[in-house]
Amino acid sequence: LRERGIRVEYSFRAAALGKQLRVADSRGARYAVVMGPDERERGEVVLKTLSDGSQRAVARDAIVEDISRLLTESSAAGPSPAPTS
């Protein structure tokens, strides 16, 4: 992802996944890639859209293309509305 110019952050903390996803969302992340032991065994990751909570399994070797496509599509659609409090 970084080689494609996509900003990536990785949490080294042992915090609960839900908390890590909330932090990512608060920092402006649009997507999260989650890989636990089950996903690793299946050769896939979970791609989670933070704005609506939807998620789907993606083959590990396809994740770069998938995220690149999503970011290109969302850029073409224009800026996202500002979050409300």
C-alpha atoms as a PDB file:
ATOM      1  CA  LEU A   1       0.000   0.000   0.000  1.00  0.00           C
ATOM      2  CA  ARG A   2       2.761   2.438   0.879  1.00  0.00           C
ATOM      3  CA  GLU A   3       4.484   1.729  -2.434  1.00  0.00           C
ATOM      4  CA  ARG A   4       1.263   2.928  -4.113  1.00  0.00           C
ATOM      5  CA  GLY A   5       1.364   6.162  -2.112  1.00  0.00           C
ATOM      6  CA  ILE A   6      -1.450   5.119   0.215  1.00  0.00           C
ATOM      7  CA  ARG A   7      -0.990   6.316   3.773  1.00  0.00           C
ATOM      8  CA  VAL A   8      -0.902   3.394   6.178  1.00  0.00           C
ATOM      9  CA  GLU A   9      -0.856   3.266   9.950  1.00  0.00           C
ATOM     10  CA  TYR A  10      -0.320   0.161  12.011  1.00  0.00           C
ATOM     11  CA  SER A  11      -1.198  -0.252  15.657  1.00  0.00           C
ATOM     12  CA  PHE A  12       1.331  -2.064  17.793  1.00  0.00           C
ATOM     13  CA  ARG A  13      -0.912  -1.728  20.843  1.00  0.00           C
ATOM     14  CA  ALA A  14      -2.726  -4.661  22.335  1.00  0.00           C
ATOM     15  CA  ALA A  15      -5.962  -2.644  22.533  1.00  0.00           C
ATOM     16  CA  ALA A  16      -9.263  -4.252  21.623  1.00  0.00           C
ATOM     17  CA  LEU A  17     -10.053  -4.220  17.912  1.00  0.00           C
ATOM     18  CA  GLY A  18     -13.160  -2.067  18.383  1.00  0.00           C
ATOM     19  CA  LYS A  19     -11.131   0.592  20.157  1.00  0.00           C
ATOM     20  CA  GLN A  20      -8.470   0.542  17.429  1.00  0.00           C
ATOM     21  CA  LEU A  21     -11.168   0.970  14.770  1.00  0.00           C
ATOM     22  CA  ARG A  22     -12.699   3.931  16.645  1.00  0.00           C
ATOM     23  CA  VAL A  23      -9.260   5.564  16.867  1.00  0.00           C
ATOM     24  CA  ALA A  24      -8.696   4.999  13.144  1.00  0.00           C
ATOM     25  CA  ASP A  25     -12.100   6.513  12.349  1.00  0.00           C
ATOM     26  CA  SER A  26     -11.435   9.531  14.566  1.00  0.00           C
ATOM     27  CA  ARG A  27      -8.142  10.085  12.714  1.00  0.00           C
ATOM     28  CA  GLY A  28      -9.909  10.209   9.364  1.00  0.00           C
ATOM     29  CA  ALA A  29      -9.260   6.701   8.078  1.00  0.00           C
ATOM     30  CA  ARG A  30     -11.829   5.527   5.546  1.00  0.00           C
ATOM     31  CA  TYR A  31     -10.908   1.856   5.595  1.00  0.00           C
ATOM     32  CA  ALA A  32      -9.316  -0.658   7.919  1.00  0.00           C
ATOM     33  CA  VAL A  33      -7.615  -3.882   6.938  1.00  0.00           C
ATOM     34  CA  VAL A  34      -7.907  -6.542   9.623  1.00  0.00           C
ATOM     35  CA  MET A  35      -6.023  -9.818   9.626  1.00  0.00           C
ATOM     36  CA  GLY A  36      -6.327 -12.256  12.478  1.00  0.00           C
ATOM     37  CA  PRO A  37      -5.204 -15.870  12.697  1.00  0.00           C
ATOM     38  CA  ASP A  38      -8.264 -17.200  10.828  1.00  0.00           C
ATOM     39  CA  GLU A  39      -7.831 -14.741   7.969  1.00  0.00           C
ATOM     40  CA  ARG A  40      -4.115 -15.468   7.790  1.00  0.00           C
ATOM     41  CA  GLU A  41      -4.845 -19.183   7.499  1.00  0.00           C
ATOM     42  CA  ARG A  42      -7.332 -18.551   4.669  1.00  0.00           C
ATOM     43  CA  GLY A  43      -4.995 -16.145   2.847  1.00  0.00           C
ATOM     44  CA  GLU A  44      -7.358 -13.213   3.160  1.00  0.00           C
ATOM     45  CA  VAL A  45      -8.001 -10.040   5.103  1.00  0.00           C
ATOM     46  CA  VAL A  46     -11.157  -8.255   6.184  1.00  0.00           C
ATOM     47  CA  LEU A  47     -11.656  -4.866   4.540  1.00  0.00           C
ATOM     48  CA  LYS A  48     -13.852  -2.707   6.749  1.00  0.00           C
ATOM     49  CA  THR A  49     -15.431   0.566   5.632  1.00  0.00           C
ATOM     50  CA  LEU A  50     -15.356   2.734   8.721  1.00  0.00           C
ATOM     51  CA  SER A  51     -18.097   5.163   7.650  1.00  0.00           C
ATOM     52  CA  ASP A  52     -20.844   2.531   7.580  1.00  0.00           C
ATOM     53  CA  GLY A  53     -19.300  -0.491   9.312  1.00  0.00           C
ATOM     54  CA  SER A  54     -19.637  -2.755   6.278  1.00  0.00           C
ATOM     55  CA  GLN A  55     -16.948  -5.343   5.771  1.00  0.00           C
ATOM     56  CA  ARG A  56     -15.971  -8.086   3.383  1.00  0.00           C
ATOM     57  CA  ALA A  57     -13.272 -10.669   2.950  1.00  0.00           C
ATOM     58  CA  VAL A  58     -10.620  -9.924   0.324  1.00  0.00           C
ATOM     59  CA  ALA A  59      -7.790 -12.162  -0.864  1.00  0.00           C
ATOM     60  CA  ARG A  60      -4.502 -10.893   0.589  1.00  0.00           C
ATOM     61  CA  ASP A  61      -2.929 -10.620  -2.834  1.00  0.00           C
ATOM     62  CA  ALA A  62      -5.851  -8.460  -4.065  1.00  0.00           C
ATOM     63  CA  ILE A  63      -6.043  -5.931  -1.221  1.00  0.00           C
ATOM     64  CA  VAL A  64      -3.749  -3.311  -2.780  1.00  0.00           C
ATOM     65  CA  GLU A  65      -5.778  -3.200  -6.001  1.00  0.00           C
ATOM     66  CA  ASP A  66      -9.060  -3.221  -4.079  1.00  0.00           C
ATOM     67  CA  ILE A  67      -8.147  -0.298  -1.825  1.00  0.00           C
ATOM     68  CA  SER A  68      -6.615   1.643  -4.724  1.00  0.00           C
ATOM     69  CA  ARG A  69      -9.872   1.250  -6.656  1.00  0.00           C
ATOM     70  CA  LEU A  70     -12.000   2.318  -3.680  1.00  0.00           C
ATOM     71  CA  LEU A  71      -9.871   5.398  -3.039  1.00  0.00           C
ATOM     72  CA  THR A  72      -9.966   6.367  -6.718  1.00  0.00           C
ATOM     73  CA  GLU A  73     -13.758   5.966  -6.804  1.00  0.00           C
ATOM     74  CA  SER A  74     -14.268   7.987  -3.627  1.00  0.00           C
ATOM     75  CA  SER A  75     -11.956  10.746  -4.903  1.00  0.00           C
ATOM     76  CA  ALA A  76     -13.945  10.959  -8.139  1.00  0.00           C
ATOM     77  CA  ALA A  77     -17.166  11.262  -6.123  1.00  0.00           C
ATOM     78  CA  GLY A  78     -15.851  14.352  -4.347  1.00  0.00           C
ATOM     79  CA  PRO A  79     -15.050  15.094  -0.725  1.00  0.00           C
ATOM     80  CA  SER A  80     -16.917  13.336   2.046  1.00  0.00           C
ATOM     81  CA  PRO A  81     -19.239  15.447   4.170  1.00  0.00           C
ATOM     82  CA  ALA A  82     -17.708  16.754   7.378  1.00  0.00           C
ATOM     83  CA  PRO A  83     -18.530  14.661  10.447  1.00  0.00           C
ATOM     84  CA  THR A  84     -21.116  16.121  12.789  1.00  0.00           C
ATOM     85  CA  SER A  85     -20.982  16.062  16.552  1.00  0.00           C
END
